[in-house]
Amino acid sequence: MAERHGIYVEEVPFQPLTEATTDVTIPFVVGTAPVNLTQLSGYPVNVPILARTYEEAVSALGYSDDWANFTLSEVIYAHFQLYRQSPIVLVNVLDPARHKTAVTATSLLLVKGVGTINADGVLTSTLVVTSSDGSKTYVLGTDYRLTTNAAGRVVISRISTGTIGASDTVRVAYDKLDGSAVTSADIIGGTDAATGKVSGLELLKQVYPRFQVVPSLVLAPGFSDDPVVAAVLNAKAEKISGNFKAIALTDLPADEKYLDLSGWKEDNNYDFQSEINSWPLVTYQGKTYRYSTHLAALICRTDADSSGVPYRSPSSKELLVDGTVMADGTEVALTIDEANVLNGDGIVTALNFGGWKAWGNRTAIYPEKTDPQSSFIPVRRMFNWVNNALILRFANDVDEPTDRRLIDSVIDEANVWLNGLTSSGYILGGRVEFLASDNPDVNLVNGKMLFRLYLTPPSPAQEISYLVAYDPQYLAVLTAA
């Protein structure tokens, strides 16, 4: 190759920047999906999917009304269709290679050459179609073709030039996805020591490197009532990608009675400051949901109504539900006194009080800890939000010269930002300081700087009281001229 000598300019195509931001509340959800319906080139197993629309989520992960087997379908429906929120990060752990069950050959009558397999999760690559007596095996593309209807069911259509008759009865055998085969270990996941492959909740750490967004809610509906899963949810939420913080949303078992919840919560360690406990199940228009699914969407909507700042509690905000039930479908009709007992144990519930609303301001650490920073949901979330915002806002200052210009720049920018939050009513006040006592020479010479940030988010107005008295002076109106 000839030697280059001189000045050269090359132009590259424009690439839109993906700006890191904390002004959108993003849930990270691990569960199971009918990935046999994916439109991707391969099954999305243990791959984070950032979906900004319902269509995008369904295209990647499929959709089924069988929410017992496919928990992410419940989340997708509630998040996009009911609460109209976006975006969300979804991880499917259901692996068609492992989480499946074999269905023995059954008869299927074709009507005008068409028959529908009445089952969800059919893996078409395993489908075998034979004659009614099993003597002949039909060939895909020669004797029949496969499509999927709007309900996600596999449709077999005869090809007129093939050997299947228009009114024949055929036999079909196949493997289908089995969500019940997914275990808590699959949800928890980890990093394979041999391959380095990351799975389950461990994928939370990859969200920011992949998408440049910071999840602020972490949940696994259908699995978070397992204490082992809940413990890992909280551990991961406390520290994401080394520095970021989130809140874990957990469901308490819907088969536990109202009066037993406090003891169950204590016995099973559902008591983290980074955790919101929810109970029981909720219903809406004939469908039953895990409460954490609705609570996550409600929190997103509440934050969106507040310019993305999580300073308002989800409590007393309208839920899109029409009832609450136990695991066996028994209706739960809590009074406000009963709901307040749950709140006093750090459990968020749903209350029909002038319409269905989320009810409860306390994180799971309450009543073990009562300080607002630990125990009030919006205050705890504001501390997380400020933590994440500081990391993103000042990341570019890392490795700059340790001099007075850098110190003043950080102080000035942070205080201007905090003053803006104060004037907007998001915090009552805040300030940043750089103290000599926090920064001895031995630290400064090694490039270590410590700033102090003080802030006070507003606590929720949890109790509003009136003193009502009879005042006899108003009797004078009866005898006034």
Protein backbone atom coordinates (compact mmCIF):
# COMPACT_ATOMS: atom_id res chain seq x y z
CA MET A 1 0.00 0.00 0.00
CA ALA A 2 1.30 3.47 -0.90
CA GLU A 3 2.52 5.65 1.95
CA ARG A 4 0.13 8.45 2.95
CA HIS A 5 1.55 11.93 3.26
CA GLY A 6 -0.53 15.06 3.82
CA ILE A 7 -3.91 16.00 5.32
CA TYR A 8 -6.95 13.79 4.82
CA VAL A 9 -10.62 14.16 5.75
CA GLU A 10 -13.21 11.39 5.70
CA GLU A 11 -16.91 11.88 6.34
CA VAL A 12 -18.97 9.20 8.09
CA PRO A 13 -22.78 8.87 7.94
CA PHE A 14 -24.77 10.57 10.70
CA GLN A 15 -25.69 8.32 13.64
CA PRO A 16 -28.33 9.64 16.06
CA LEU A 17 -27.15 9.74 19.64
CA THR A 18 -28.87 7.62 22.26
CA GLU A 19 -28.94 9.94 25.23
CA ALA A 20 -28.75 8.41 28.68
CA THR A 21 -31.57 9.78 30.79
CA THR A 22 -33.36 9.22 34.07
CA ASP A 23 -36.52 11.14 33.15
CA VAL A 24 -38.36 7.96 32.13
CA THR A 25 -39.25 5.22 34.59
CA ILE A 26 -38.22 1.90 33.05
CA PRO A 27 -39.24 -1.46 34.52
CA PHE A 28 -36.99 -4.49 34.10
CA VAL A 29 -39.08 -7.66 34.09
CA VAL A 30 -37.97 -11.29 34.06
CA GLY A 31 -40.47 -14.02 33.22
CA THR A 32 -41.77 -16.38 30.57
CA ALA A 33 -43.07 -15.71 27.07
CA PRO A 34 -44.57 -17.71 24.16
CA VAL A 35 -41.42 -17.36 22.11
CA ASN A 36 -42.70 -19.88 19.58
CA LEU A 37 -44.50 -16.82 18.16
CA THR A 38 -41.43 -14.58 17.93
CA GLN A 39 -40.79 -12.70 14.69
CA LEU A 40 -37.07 -12.60 15.42
CA SER A 41 -34.64 -14.87 13.63
CA GLY A 42 -34.16 -17.01 16.74
CA TYR A 43 -35.81 -17.65 20.09
CA PRO A 44 -35.09 -14.71 22.45
CA VAL A 45 -33.96 -16.66 25.53
CA ASN A 46 -32.09 -14.72 28.24
CA VAL A 47 -31.78 -11.70 25.97
CA PRO A 48 -32.93 -8.26 27.22
CA ILE A 49 -35.57 -6.79 24.91
CA LEU A 50 -36.13 -3.02 25.08
CA ALA A 51 -39.68 -2.52 23.84
CA ARG A 52 -41.22 0.91 23.30
CA THR A 53 -44.56 -0.26 21.89
CA TYR A 54 -46.97 -3.15 22.32
CA GLU A 55 -46.30 -4.25 18.75
CA GLU A 56 -42.56 -4.24 19.33
CA ALA A 57 -42.90 -6.37 22.47
CA VAL A 58 -45.26 -8.87 20.84
CA SER A 59 -43.13 -9.11 17.71
CA ALA A 60 -40.11 -10.06 19.81
CA LEU A 61 -41.68 -12.26 22.47
CA GLY A 62 -45.09 -13.31 21.17
CA TYR A 63 -48.31 -12.99 23.15
CA SER A 64 -50.73 -15.40 24.80
CA ASP A 65 -53.71 -15.03 27.13
CA ASP A 66 -52.34 -17.99 29.10
CA TRP A 67 -50.72 -15.83 31.76
CA ALA A 68 -50.16 -18.75 34.11
CA ASN A 69 -47.58 -20.13 31.68
CA PHE A 70 -46.50 -16.88 30.05
CA THR A 71 -46.04 -14.19 32.69
CA LEU A 72 -44.51 -11.59 30.36
CA SER A 73 -47.71 -11.53 28.29
CA GLU A 74 -49.54 -10.27 31.38
CA VAL A 75 -46.95 -7.53 31.84
CA ILE A 76 -46.99 -6.53 28.17
CA TYR A 77 -50.78 -6.26 28.16
CA ALA A 78 -51.01 -4.22 31.35
CA HIS A 79 -48.06 -1.95 30.62
CA PHE A 80 -48.95 -1.04 27.05
CA GLN A 81 -52.65 -1.74 26.57
CA LEU A 82 -54.07 -0.70 29.95
CA TYR A 83 -51.75 1.96 31.33
CA ARG A 84 -50.30 3.13 27.97
CA GLN A 85 -46.75 3.32 29.27
CA SER A 86 -43.37 2.99 27.55
CA PRO A 87 -40.63 1.78 27.45
CA ILE A 88 -39.93 -1.50 29.25
CA VAL A 89 -37.11 -4.08 29.31
CA LEU A 90 -38.25 -7.71 29.17
CA VAL A 91 -36.25 -10.90 29.65
CA ASN A 92 -37.69 -14.29 28.76
CA VAL A 93 -36.08 -17.28 30.49
CA LEU A 94 -38.35 -19.95 29.00
CA ASP A 95 -36.09 -22.05 26.80
CA PRO A 96 -37.82 -24.16 24.11
CA ALA A 97 -34.90 -26.60 24.29
CA ARG A 98 -35.57 -27.35 27.96
CA HIS A 99 -38.96 -26.06 29.09
CA LYS A 100 -41.29 -28.14 26.99
CA THR A 101 -43.62 -31.10 27.18
CA ALA A 102 -44.41 -33.72 24.56
CA VAL A 103 -48.00 -34.06 23.35
CA THR A 104 -48.86 -37.51 22.06
CA ALA A 105 -50.61 -37.87 18.74
CA THR A 106 -54.23 -36.66 18.80
CA SER A 107 -56.86 -36.50 16.10
CA LEU A 108 -57.61 -33.28 14.24
CA LEU A 109 -60.53 -33.01 11.82
CA LEU A 110 -59.93 -30.80 8.81
CA VAL A 111 -62.86 -28.65 7.68
CA LYS A 112 -62.49 -27.61 4.07
CA GLY A 113 -58.87 -28.60 4.33
CA VAL A 114 -58.11 -26.50 7.41
CA GLY A 115 -57.62 -27.49 11.06
CA THR A 116 -56.44 -25.55 14.12
CA ILE A 117 -54.39 -27.08 16.94
CA ASN A 118 -56.15 -25.98 20.10
CA ALA A 119 -53.02 -25.43 22.21
CA ASP A 120 -50.65 -22.61 23.08
CA GLY A 121 -46.90 -22.77 22.68
CA VAL A 122 -46.75 -25.33 19.89
CA LEU A 123 -43.20 -25.74 18.62
CA THR A 124 -43.78 -26.18 14.91
CA SER A 125 -40.30 -27.58 14.35
CA THR A 126 -41.39 -30.66 16.32
CA LEU A 127 -44.79 -31.09 14.67
CA VAL A 128 -45.50 -34.45 13.03
CA VAL A 129 -48.67 -34.83 10.96
CA THR A 130 -49.79 -38.33 10.01
CA SER A 131 -52.83 -40.06 8.56
CA SER A 132 -55.60 -41.09 10.93
CA ASP A 133 -54.25 -44.63 11.16
CA GLY A 134 -50.65 -43.43 11.53
CA SER A 135 -49.50 -45.30 8.43
CA LYS A 136 -48.48 -42.22 6.44
CA THR A 137 -46.44 -39.21 7.53
CA TYR A 138 -47.32 -36.05 5.64
CA VAL A 139 -44.67 -33.63 4.40
CA LEU A 140 -44.64 -29.92 5.24
CA GLY A 141 -44.65 -27.84 2.09
CA THR A 142 -45.86 -30.76 -0.01
CA ASP A 143 -48.99 -32.00 1.76
CA TYR A 144 -49.72 -29.09 4.09
CA ARG A 145 -48.60 -25.63 5.16
CA LEU A 146 -48.53 -24.01 8.61
CA THR A 147 -49.71 -20.55 9.67
CA THR A 148 -50.60 -18.91 12.96
CA ASN A 149 -53.97 -17.29 13.66
CA ALA A 150 -54.64 -14.12 15.66
CA ALA A 151 -54.87 -16.13 18.89
CA GLY A 152 -51.39 -17.61 18.35
CA ARG A 153 -52.72 -21.08 17.50
CA VAL A 154 -51.11 -23.18 14.77
CA VAL A 155 -53.30 -23.69 11.69
CA ILE A 156 -52.75 -26.65 9.33
CA SER A 157 -53.95 -26.12 5.74
CA ARG A 158 -53.87 -28.89 3.17
CA ILE A 159 -52.16 -28.29 -0.15
CA SER A 160 -54.48 -29.31 -2.96
CA THR A 161 -51.73 -31.10 -4.87
CA GLY A 162 -50.78 -33.15 -1.81
CA THR A 163 -52.23 -36.35 -0.39
CA ILE A 164 -54.44 -34.96 2.38
CA GLY A 165 -58.15 -34.86 1.68
CA ALA A 166 -60.25 -31.74 2.34
CA SER A 167 -62.29 -33.53 5.05
CA ASP A 168 -59.64 -35.92 6.35
CA THR A 169 -58.90 -36.53 9.99
CA VAL A 170 -55.17 -36.32 10.65
CA ARG A 171 -53.13 -37.03 13.75
CA VAL A 172 -50.78 -34.43 15.17
CA ALA A 173 -47.96 -34.89 17.67
CA TYR A 174 -45.68 -32.11 18.88
CA ASP A 175 -43.77 -30.53 21.71
CA LYS A 176 -45.19 -27.42 23.33
CA LEU A 177 -43.74 -24.81 25.66
CA ASP A 178 -44.28 -25.51 29.35
CA GLY A 179 -44.06 -22.43 31.54
CA SER A 180 -44.56 -24.55 34.66
CA ALA A 181 -41.17 -26.16 34.00
CA VAL A 182 -39.43 -22.83 34.61
CA THR A 183 -37.95 -22.74 38.10
CA SER A 184 -36.87 -20.01 40.47
CA ALA A 185 -33.29 -20.84 39.53
CA ASP A 186 -34.09 -19.93 35.91
CA ILE A 187 -35.49 -16.56 37.01
CA ILE A 188 -32.50 -15.85 39.24
CA GLY A 189 -30.02 -16.92 36.59
CA GLY A 190 -26.36 -15.99 36.87
CA THR A 191 -23.16 -16.17 34.85
CA ASP A 192 -22.04 -19.52 33.46
CA ALA A 193 -18.45 -20.05 34.56
CA ALA A 194 -17.62 -22.10 31.46
CA THR A 195 -19.26 -20.01 28.74
CA GLY A 196 -19.63 -16.61 30.38
CA LYS A 197 -23.28 -16.52 29.29
CA VAL A 198 -25.48 -14.35 31.51
CA SER A 199 -29.06 -15.27 32.33
CA GLY A 200 -32.11 -14.29 34.38
CA LEU A 201 -31.93 -11.40 36.82
CA GLU A 202 -28.18 -11.19 36.30
CA LEU A 203 -28.97 -9.56 32.93
CA LEU A 204 -30.05 -6.43 34.80
CA LYS A 205 -26.41 -5.33 34.76
CA GLN A 206 -26.38 -5.37 30.95
CA VAL A 207 -29.30 -2.99 30.42
CA TYR A 208 -27.30 0.23 30.63
CA PRO A 209 -24.34 -0.99 28.54
CA ARG A 210 -26.75 -2.28 25.88
CA PHE A 211 -29.37 0.47 25.74
CA GLN A 212 -27.97 3.47 27.67
CA VAL A 213 -31.06 3.53 29.90
CA VAL A 214 -31.28 2.94 33.64
CA PRO A 215 -34.01 0.64 34.97
CA SER A 216 -35.66 1.94 38.11
CA LEU A 217 -38.11 -0.91 38.83
CA VAL A 218 -37.22 -4.62 38.94
CA LEU A 219 -39.88 -7.33 39.08
CA ALA A 220 -40.70 -10.94 38.28
CA PRO A 221 -44.50 -11.39 38.55
CA GLY A 222 -45.47 -14.98 39.16
CA PHE A 223 -42.13 -15.74 40.80
CA SER A 224 -41.45 -12.97 43.32
CA ASP A 225 -43.58 -14.64 46.01
CA ASP A 226 -40.69 -17.10 46.29
CA PRO A 227 -38.42 -15.75 49.08
CA VAL A 228 -35.26 -16.80 47.25
CA VAL A 229 -36.30 -14.89 44.12
CA ALA A 230 -37.32 -11.88 46.22
CA ALA A 231 -33.95 -11.79 47.96
CA VAL A 232 -32.11 -11.77 44.63
CA LEU A 233 -34.49 -9.13 43.21
CA ASN A 234 -33.54 -6.86 46.09
CA ALA A 235 -29.83 -7.60 45.88
CA LYS A 236 -29.77 -6.77 42.17
CA ALA A 237 -31.91 -3.64 42.60
CA GLU A 238 -29.57 -2.26 45.27
CA LYS A 239 -26.64 -2.02 42.87
CA ILE A 240 -27.00 -2.14 39.08
CA SER A 241 -23.92 -2.04 36.84
CA GLY A 242 -21.87 -1.18 39.91
CA ASN A 243 -23.57 2.12 40.79
CA PHE A 244 -27.23 2.57 39.81
CA LYS A 245 -30.14 1.86 42.14
CA ALA A 246 -33.69 0.62 41.60
CA ILE A 247 -36.72 -0.60 43.54
CA ALA A 248 -37.81 -4.24 43.59
CA LEU A 249 -41.55 -4.92 43.36
CA THR A 250 -42.53 -8.18 45.05
CA ASP A 251 -45.81 -10.04 45.45
CA LEU A 252 -46.71 -11.68 48.72
CA PRO A 253 -48.38 -15.08 48.26
CA ALA A 254 -52.02 -14.68 47.24
CA ASP A 255 -52.94 -17.82 49.14
CA GLU A 256 -51.85 -16.27 52.44
CA LYS A 257 -54.71 -14.87 54.51
CA TYR A 258 -54.84 -11.19 55.37
CA LEU A 259 -54.18 -11.80 59.08
CA ASP A 260 -51.18 -14.04 58.36
CA LEU A 261 -49.31 -11.68 56.04
CA SER A 262 -47.35 -9.83 58.70
CA GLY A 263 -45.89 -13.04 60.12
CA TRP A 264 -45.17 -14.46 56.66
CA LYS A 265 -43.40 -11.27 55.59
CA GLU A 266 -41.23 -11.29 58.70
CA ASP A 267 -40.46 -15.02 58.53
CA ASN A 268 -39.40 -14.79 54.89
CA ASN A 269 -37.39 -11.55 55.06
CA TYR A 270 -39.48 -9.36 52.76
CA ASP A 271 -38.07 -6.34 54.54
CA PHE A 272 -35.68 -4.36 52.34
CA GLN A 273 -35.73 -0.58 51.91
CA SER A 274 -35.35 -1.17 48.18
CA GLU A 275 -38.52 -3.28 48.09
CA ILE A 276 -42.26 -2.66 47.75
CA ASN A 277 -44.46 -5.53 48.91
CA SER A 278 -47.86 -5.93 47.23
CA TRP A 279 -50.92 -8.11 47.97
CA PRO A 280 -53.28 -9.69 46.77
CA LEU A 281 -54.11 -10.44 43.12
CA VAL A 282 -56.17 -7.89 41.18
CA THR A 283 -58.80 -8.32 38.48
CA TYR A 284 -59.93 -6.23 35.55
CA GLN A 285 -62.57 -7.03 32.95
CA GLY A 286 -62.45 -10.75 33.52
CA LYS A 287 -58.66 -11.08 33.73
CA THR A 288 -56.62 -11.75 36.87
CA TYR A 289 -53.22 -10.10 37.39
CA ARG A 290 -50.40 -10.24 39.88
CA TYR A 291 -50.54 -6.95 41.74
CA SER A 292 -46.88 -6.07 41.04
CA THR A 293 -47.74 -5.95 37.33
CA HIS A 294 -50.28 -3.18 37.89
CA LEU A 295 -48.19 -1.42 40.52
CA ALA A 296 -45.22 -1.13 38.15
CA ALA A 297 -47.40 0.36 35.41
CA LEU A 298 -49.09 2.71 37.89
CA ILE A 299 -45.72 3.96 39.14
CA CYS A 300 -44.64 4.60 35.55
CA ARG A 301 -47.84 6.55 34.87
CA THR A 302 -47.53 8.56 38.10
CA ASP A 303 -43.93 9.47 37.28
CA ALA A 304 -44.84 10.36 33.69
CA ASP A 305 -47.49 12.74 35.03
CA SER A 306 -44.74 14.34 37.15
CA SER A 307 -42.27 15.03 34.32
CA GLY A 308 -40.44 11.78 35.11
CA VAL A 309 -39.52 12.80 38.67
CA PRO A 310 -40.62 10.13 41.22
CA TYR A 311 -41.49 12.55 44.03
CA ARG A 312 -45.15 11.50 44.24
CA SER A 313 -46.35 8.32 45.89
CA PRO A 314 -48.34 5.78 43.86
CA SER A 315 -50.67 5.50 46.85
CA SER A 316 -54.17 6.92 46.33
CA LYS A 317 -53.65 6.89 42.57
CA GLU A 318 -56.25 5.20 40.39
CA LEU A 319 -55.71 1.56 39.51
CA LEU A 320 -57.26 0.04 36.42
CA VAL A 321 -58.78 -2.81 38.41
CA ASP A 322 -62.30 -3.82 39.36
CA GLY A 323 -61.58 -6.24 42.20
CA THR A 324 -59.07 -8.06 44.38
CA VAL A 325 -58.93 -11.82 44.88
CA MET A 326 -57.02 -14.61 46.57
CA ALA A 327 -55.19 -17.29 44.60
CA ASP A 328 -58.32 -19.47 44.53
CA GLY A 329 -60.47 -16.62 43.21
CA THR A 330 -62.09 -15.75 46.55
CA GLU A 331 -62.98 -12.06 46.61
CA VAL A 332 -61.05 -9.79 48.97
CA ALA A 333 -62.99 -6.75 50.20
CA LEU A 334 -60.75 -4.85 52.59
CA THR A 335 -62.03 -2.01 54.73
CA ILE A 336 -59.81 1.04 55.11
CA ASP A 337 -58.94 -0.08 58.65
CA GLU A 338 -57.83 -3.48 57.36
CA ALA A 339 -55.86 -1.89 54.53
CA ASN A 340 -54.16 0.39 57.04
CA VAL A 341 -53.12 -2.65 59.10
CA LEU A 342 -51.33 -3.97 56.01
CA ASN A 343 -49.76 -0.55 55.43
CA GLY A 344 -48.53 -0.65 59.00
CA ASP A 345 -46.66 -3.84 58.12
CA GLY A 346 -45.04 -2.34 55.02
CA ILE A 347 -47.47 -3.89 52.54
CA VAL A 348 -49.12 -2.01 49.68
CA THR A 349 -52.63 -3.19 48.84
CA ALA A 350 -55.58 -2.07 46.72
CA LEU A 351 -58.57 -0.32 48.22
CA ASN A 352 -61.98 0.49 46.78
CA PHE A 353 -62.45 3.89 48.43
CA GLY A 354 -64.00 6.32 45.98
CA GLY A 355 -62.76 4.06 43.20
CA TRP A 356 -60.01 1.46 43.15
CA LYS A 357 -56.68 2.88 44.27
CA ALA A 358 -53.26 1.70 45.31
CA TRP A 359 -53.02 2.02 49.08
CA GLY A 360 -49.76 2.30 50.98
CA ASN A 361 -46.74 4.62 51.17
CA ARG A 362 -44.25 2.40 52.95
CA THR A 363 -41.38 0.32 51.64
CA ALA A 364 -40.94 -3.24 52.87
CA ILE A 365 -38.46 -2.20 55.59
CA TYR A 366 -41.29 -0.59 57.56
CA PRO A 367 -41.94 -0.86 60.52
CA GLU A 368 -38.41 -2.07 61.30
CA LYS A 369 -37.19 1.33 60.17
CA THR A 370 -39.35 4.44 60.20
CA ASP A 371 -37.08 7.20 58.89
CA PRO A 372 -38.42 8.74 55.66
CA GLN A 373 -35.30 7.99 53.62
CA SER A 374 -35.74 4.25 54.23
CA SER A 375 -39.47 3.79 54.68
CA PHE A 376 -41.41 6.24 52.49
CA ILE A 377 -41.72 5.01 48.89
CA PRO A 378 -41.43 8.39 47.12
CA VAL A 379 -38.59 9.58 49.37
CA ARG A 380 -36.63 6.35 48.85
CA ARG A 381 -37.24 6.54 45.11
CA MET A 382 -36.14 10.19 45.00
CA PHE A 383 -32.84 9.25 46.64
CA ASN A 384 -32.40 6.51 44.01
CA TRP A 385 -33.30 8.95 41.23
CA VAL A 386 -30.83 11.58 42.46
CA ASN A 387 -28.16 8.89 42.86
CA ASN A 388 -28.61 7.74 39.26
CA ALA A 389 -28.84 11.29 37.92
CA LEU A 390 -25.59 12.31 39.60
CA ILE A 391 -23.74 9.39 38.03
CA LEU A 392 -24.97 10.25 34.55
CA ARG A 393 -24.64 14.01 34.94
CA PHE A 394 -21.03 14.03 36.12
CA ALA A 395 -19.63 10.93 34.40
CA ASN A 396 -17.67 13.13 31.99
CA ASP A 397 -15.76 14.73 34.88
CA VAL A 398 -14.06 11.46 35.81
CA ASP A 399 -10.28 11.63 35.13
CA GLU A 400 -10.26 15.39 34.65
CA PRO A 401 -7.50 17.26 36.56
CA THR A 402 -8.12 17.43 40.31
CA ASP A 403 -8.10 21.21 40.60
CA ARG A 404 -10.22 24.05 41.94
CA ARG A 405 -11.85 24.58 38.57
CA LEU A 406 -13.27 21.02 38.63
CA ILE A 407 -14.44 21.37 42.23
CA ASP A 408 -16.24 24.66 41.54
CA SER A 409 -17.73 23.30 38.34
CA VAL A 410 -19.25 20.29 40.10
CA ILE A 411 -20.56 22.37 43.01
CA ASP A 412 -22.04 25.06 40.77
CA GLU A 413 -23.70 22.67 38.31
CA ALA A 414 -25.09 20.42 41.04
CA ASN A 415 -26.48 23.33 43.05
CA VAL A 416 -28.09 24.91 39.99
CA TRP A 417 -29.73 21.55 39.28
CA LEU A 418 -30.91 21.17 42.89
CA ASN A 419 -32.26 24.73 42.91
CA GLY A 420 -34.27 23.87 39.82
CA LEU A 421 -35.70 20.80 41.53
CA THR A 422 -36.59 22.95 44.52
CA SER A 423 -38.32 25.66 42.48
CA SER A 424 -40.32 22.95 40.68
CA GLY A 425 -41.49 21.51 44.00
CA TYR A 426 -39.76 18.16 43.50
CA ILE A 427 -37.67 18.64 46.65
CA LEU A 428 -37.98 21.00 49.58
CA GLY A 429 -34.32 21.93 49.28
CA GLY A 430 -30.87 20.63 48.48
CA ARG A 431 -27.22 21.62 48.30
CA VAL A 432 -23.78 20.24 47.49
CA GLU A 433 -20.66 20.96 49.55
CA PHE A 434 -16.96 20.13 49.27
CA LEU A 435 -15.45 20.06 52.77
CA ALA A 436 -11.76 20.11 53.67
CA SER A 437 -12.40 17.60 56.45
CA ASP A 438 -13.71 15.09 53.90
CA ASN A 439 -10.78 15.59 51.54
CA PRO A 440 -7.39 15.21 53.27
CA ASP A 441 -4.23 15.65 51.21
CA VAL A 442 -3.60 11.90 51.09
CA ASN A 443 -6.90 11.47 49.20
CA LEU A 444 -6.50 14.46 46.91
CA VAL A 445 -3.00 13.45 45.87
CA ASN A 446 -4.46 10.08 44.86
CA GLY A 447 -7.23 11.69 42.83
CA LYS A 448 -10.02 10.97 45.33
CA MET A 449 -12.68 13.64 45.82
CA LEU A 450 -15.71 13.51 48.13
CA PHE A 451 -18.69 15.83 47.77
CA ARG A 452 -21.63 15.93 50.19
CA LEU A 453 -25.14 16.28 48.82
CA TYR A 454 -28.01 17.15 51.14
CA LEU A 455 -31.62 16.99 50.00
CA THR A 456 -35.11 16.74 51.42
CA PRO A 457 -37.80 15.25 49.23
CA PRO A 458 -41.35 15.90 50.47
CA SER A 459 -42.96 13.10 52.45
CA PRO A 460 -46.43 12.00 51.29
CA ALA A 461 -49.32 13.58 53.17
CA GLN A 462 -50.25 10.23 54.65
CA GLU A 463 -52.55 11.51 57.38
CA ILE A 464 -54.81 14.54 57.14
CA SER A 465 -56.91 15.15 60.25
CA TYR A 466 -59.65 17.54 61.30
CA LEU A 467 -60.79 18.47 64.78
CA VAL A 468 -64.57 18.94 64.62
CA ALA A 469 -66.33 20.78 67.44
CA TYR A 470 -69.83 22.02 68.16
CA ASP A 471 -69.80 25.83 68.40
CA PRO A 472 -72.90 27.24 70.19
CA GLN A 473 -72.16 30.83 69.10
CA TYR A 474 -73.81 30.07 65.77
CA LEU A 475 -77.14 29.62 67.58
CA ALA A 476 -77.37 33.37 67.47
CA VAL A 477 -78.53 33.23 63.88
CA LEU A 478 -81.84 31.77 65.12
CA THR A 479 -82.75 34.93 67.04
CA ALA A 480 -81.11 37.54 64.88
CA ALA A 481 -83.38 40.32 63.60
